[in-house]
């Protein structure tokens, strides 16, 4: 079995931009749900949105961190 590394950074700039759009939409949806009442699921969704946005920004800003395509 070969060495497999697990990387979260997308392999292309387009996928990073898609991650960024998805993260922003998810964050907006979570924030809207949290205005109604404090619940665990929207809070976890908001945290996932922040992680997705950070991953997308790293993929857009640092091209060397992207996974190479084979």
C-alpha atoms as a PDB file:
ATOM      1  CA  UNK A   1       0.000   0.000   0.000  1.00  0.00           C
ATOM      2  CA  UNK A   2       1.372   3.408  -0.919  1.00  0.00           C
ATOM      3  CA  UNK A   3       1.721   6.473   1.225  1.00  0.00           C
ATOM      4  CA  UNK A   4      -1.506   8.433   1.192  1.00  0.00           C
ATOM      5  CA  UNK A   5      -1.702  11.904   2.627  1.00  0.00           C
ATOM      6  CA  UNK A   6      -4.978  13.453   3.634  1.00  0.00           C
ATOM      7  CA  UNK A   7      -5.277  17.053   2.470  1.00  0.00           C
ATOM      8  CA  UNK A   8      -8.240  19.382   2.690  1.00  0.00           C
ATOM      9  CA  UNK A   9      -7.041  22.103   0.335  1.00  0.00           C
ATOM     10  CA  UNK A  10      -8.809  21.826  -3.050  1.00  0.00           C
ATOM     11  CA  UNK A  11      -6.774  20.957  -6.132  1.00  0.00           C
ATOM     12  CA  UNK A  12      -7.738  23.970  -8.257  1.00  0.00           C
ATOM     13  CA  UNK A  13      -8.618  27.624  -7.985  1.00  0.00           C
ATOM     14  CA  UNK A  14     -12.148  26.969  -9.295  1.00  0.00           C
ATOM     15  CA  UNK A  15     -12.894  24.384  -6.624  1.00  0.00           C
ATOM     16  CA  UNK A  16     -11.535  26.787  -3.991  1.00  0.00           C
ATOM     17  CA  UNK A  17     -13.908  29.481  -5.263  1.00  0.00           C
ATOM     18  CA  UNK A  18     -16.781  26.982  -5.135  1.00  0.00           C
ATOM     19  CA  UNK A  19     -15.854  26.128  -1.524  1.00  0.00           C
ATOM     20  CA  UNK A  20     -15.828  29.831  -0.696  1.00  0.00           C
ATOM     21  CA  UNK A  21     -19.310  30.406  -2.148  1.00  0.00           C
ATOM     22  CA  UNK A  22     -20.693  27.319  -0.387  1.00  0.00           C
ATOM     23  CA  UNK A  23     -19.136  28.377   2.920  1.00  0.00           C
ATOM     24  CA  UNK A  24     -20.533  31.892   2.720  1.00  0.00           C
ATOM     25  CA  UNK A  25     -24.019  30.614   1.873  1.00  0.00           C
ATOM     26  CA  UNK A  26     -23.855  28.113   4.713  1.00  0.00           C
ATOM     27  CA  UNK A  27     -22.699  30.826   7.135  1.00  0.00           C
ATOM     28  CA  UNK A  28     -25.538  33.148   6.105  1.00  0.00           C
ATOM     29  CA  UNK A  29     -28.078  30.360   6.521  1.00  0.00           C
ATOM     30  CA  UNK A  30     -26.700  29.440   9.952  1.00  0.00           C
ATOM     31  CA  UNK A  31     -26.674  33.051  11.125  1.00  0.00           C
ATOM     32  CA  UNK A  32     -30.284  33.465   9.996  1.00  0.00           C
ATOM     33  CA  UNK A  33     -31.324  30.347  11.919  1.00  0.00           C
ATOM     34  CA  UNK A  34     -29.466  31.486  15.036  1.00  0.00           C
ATOM     35  CA  UNK A  35     -31.422  34.749  15.130  1.00  0.00           C
ATOM     36  CA  UNK A  36     -34.605  32.799  15.852  1.00  0.00           C
ATOM     37  CA  UNK A  37     -33.303  30.702  18.730  1.00  0.00           C
ATOM     38  CA  UNK A  38     -30.044  29.276  20.027  1.00  0.00           C
ATOM     39  CA  UNK A  39     -29.763  25.686  18.819  1.00  0.00           C
ATOM     40  CA  UNK A  40     -26.881  23.262  18.519  1.00  0.00           C
ATOM     41  CA  UNK A  41     -27.264  22.286  14.861  1.00  0.00           C
ATOM     42  CA  UNK A  42     -27.119  25.822  13.391  1.00  0.00           C
ATOM     43  CA  UNK A  43     -24.146  26.531  15.647  1.00  0.00           C
ATOM     44  CA  UNK A  44     -22.298  23.462  14.352  1.00  0.00           C
ATOM     45  CA  UNK A  45     -23.280  24.393  10.815  1.00  0.00           C
ATOM     46  CA  UNK A  46     -21.855  27.867  11.349  1.00  0.00           C
ATOM     47  CA  UNK A  47     -18.577  26.425  12.607  1.00  0.00           C
ATOM     48  CA  UNK A  48     -18.406  24.142   9.564  1.00  0.00           C
ATOM     49  CA  UNK A  49     -19.036  27.160   7.337  1.00  0.00           C
ATOM     50  CA  UNK A  50     -16.147  29.036   8.922  1.00  0.00           C
ATOM     51  CA  UNK A  51     -13.842  26.042   8.416  1.00  0.00           C
ATOM     52  CA  UNK A  52     -14.934  25.766   4.773  1.00  0.00           C
ATOM     53  CA  UNK A  53     -14.310  29.474   4.140  1.00  0.00           C
ATOM     54  CA  UNK A  54     -10.852  29.256   5.721  1.00  0.00           C
ATOM     55  CA  UNK A  55     -10.020  26.206   3.586  1.00  0.00           C
ATOM     56  CA  UNK A  56     -11.162  28.047   0.460  1.00  0.00           C
ATOM     57  CA  UNK A  57      -9.157  31.154   1.292  1.00  0.00           C
ATOM     58  CA  UNK A  58      -6.005  29.101   1.853  1.00  0.00           C
ATOM     59  CA  UNK A  59      -6.570  27.386  -1.503  1.00  0.00           C
ATOM     60  CA  UNK A  60      -6.988  30.729  -3.255  1.00  0.00           C
ATOM     61  CA  UNK A  61      -4.163  32.618  -1.565  1.00  0.00           C
ATOM     62  CA  UNK A  62      -1.497  29.878  -1.394  1.00  0.00           C
ATOM     63  CA  UNK A  63      -1.421  27.941  -4.679  1.00  0.00           C
ATOM     64  CA  UNK A  64       1.482  25.796  -3.443  1.00  0.00           C
ATOM     65  CA  UNK A  65      -0.729  24.299  -0.748  1.00  0.00           C
ATOM     66  CA  UNK A  66      -3.171  22.790  -3.247  1.00  0.00           C
ATOM     67  CA  UNK A  67      -3.114  19.044  -3.776  1.00  0.00           C
ATOM     68  CA  UNK A  68      -1.493  18.089  -7.054  1.00  0.00           C
ATOM     69  CA  UNK A  69      -3.761  16.529  -9.648  1.00  0.00           C
ATOM     70  CA  UNK A  70      -2.662  13.173 -11.029  1.00  0.00           C
END
